[in-house]
Protein backbone atom coordinates (compact mmCIF):
# COMPACT_ATOMS: atom_id res chain seq x y z
CA UNK A 1 89.88 119.18 111.17
CA UNK A 2 90.76 118.14 107.64
CA UNK A 3 94.30 117.18 106.87
CA UNK A 4 96.27 119.04 104.23
CA UNK A 5 96.19 116.06 101.86
CA UNK A 6 92.37 115.96 101.99
CA UNK A 7 92.04 118.94 99.70
CA UNK A 8 91.58 122.00 101.88
CA UNK A 9 94.97 123.44 100.89
CA UNK A 10 96.39 120.85 98.51
CA UNK A 11 94.26 121.59 95.43
CA UNK A 12 94.56 125.39 95.55
CA UNK A 13 98.32 125.02 96.04
CA UNK A 14 98.59 122.51 93.20
CA UNK A 15 96.52 124.69 90.86
CA UNK A 16 98.55 127.80 91.73
CA UNK A 17 101.86 125.96 91.21
CA UNK A 18 100.75 124.39 87.91
CA UNK A 19 99.27 127.61 86.52
CA UNK A 20 102.28 129.58 87.72
CA UNK A 21 104.88 127.34 86.12
CA UNK A 22 102.86 127.17 82.90
CA UNK A 23 102.35 130.93 82.69
CA UNK A 24 105.96 131.74 83.61
CA UNK A 25 107.26 129.57 80.78
CA UNK A 26 104.72 130.86 78.24
CA UNK A 27 105.26 134.52 79.12
CA UNK A 28 109.04 134.07 79.09
CA UNK A 29 108.93 132.41 75.67
CA UNK A 30 106.72 135.11 74.18
CA UNK A 31 108.49 138.12 75.69
CA UNK A 32 112.04 137.00 74.90
CA UNK A 33 111.38 136.26 71.26
CA UNK A 34 111.26 132.47 71.59
CA UNK A 35 107.71 131.66 70.42
CA UNK A 36 108.93 128.17 69.48
CA UNK A 37 109.15 127.34 73.20
CA UNK A 38 105.39 127.63 73.84
CA UNK A 39 103.06 124.73 74.55
CA UNK A 40 101.08 125.38 71.39
CA UNK A 41 104.21 125.33 69.23
CA UNK A 42 105.28 122.04 70.86
CA UNK A 43 101.85 120.48 70.18
CA UNK A 44 101.90 121.68 66.56
CA UNK A 45 105.40 120.24 66.11
CA UNK A 46 104.61 116.87 67.72
CA UNK A 47 101.34 116.44 65.82
CA UNK A 48 102.85 117.92 62.62
CA UNK A 49 99.97 120.38 62.24
CA UNK A 50 100.44 122.87 59.43
CA UNK A 51 99.00 126.38 59.44
CA UNK A 52 95.43 126.43 58.09
CA UNK A 53 95.40 122.64 57.81
CA UNK A 54 91.86 121.39 57.16
CA UNK A 55 90.33 118.97 59.65
CA UNK A 56 89.99 116.45 56.83
CA UNK A 57 93.80 116.23 56.68
CA UNK A 58 94.15 115.26 60.34
CA UNK A 59 95.72 111.94 61.29
CA UNK A 60 94.24 109.44 63.73
CA UNK A 61 96.53 110.78 66.48
CA UNK A 62 95.24 114.31 65.83
CA UNK A 63 91.66 113.12 66.29
CA UNK A 64 92.56 111.17 69.44
CA UNK A 65 94.35 114.14 71.05
CA UNK A 66 91.51 116.49 70.10
CA UNK A 67 88.93 114.05 71.42
CA UNK A 68 90.79 113.64 74.72
CA UNK A 69 91.11 117.42 75.09
CA UNK A 70 87.42 118.03 74.24
CA UNK A 71 86.30 115.29 76.63
CA UNK A 72 88.42 116.62 79.48
CA UNK A 73 87.29 120.22 79.02
CA UNK A 74 83.63 119.24 78.69
CA UNK A 75 83.72 116.88 81.66
CA UNK A 76 85.52 119.36 83.92
CA UNK A 77 83.12 122.16 83.00
CA UNK A 78 80.04 120.08 83.79
CA UNK A 79 81.69 118.57 86.88
CA UNK A 80 82.91 121.84 88.43
CA UNK A 81 80.07 124.20 87.54
CA UNK A 82 77.01 121.94 87.36
CA UNK A 83 78.04 119.20 89.84
CA UNK A 84 77.42 116.45 87.30
CA UNK A 85 79.40 113.28 86.61
CA UNK A 86 80.46 112.86 90.22
């Protein structure tokens, strides 16, 4: 029998908790008229991204954050659905 910490219940519980807390905050911010409290607004503020800003105007930090995000999404997609990079 696998222990709880070995993944049988831990990962689904962690994913549900993380998605739930994220969605609760996002939905609350959007439905109460506080769109400035969303994750996207926070990222835009921290990275100082202007509306319709061209990619050529990005800073080094913008490229690093984008690269980290693209790498994570690509790796997780291939890892979860194609069983690669294990």
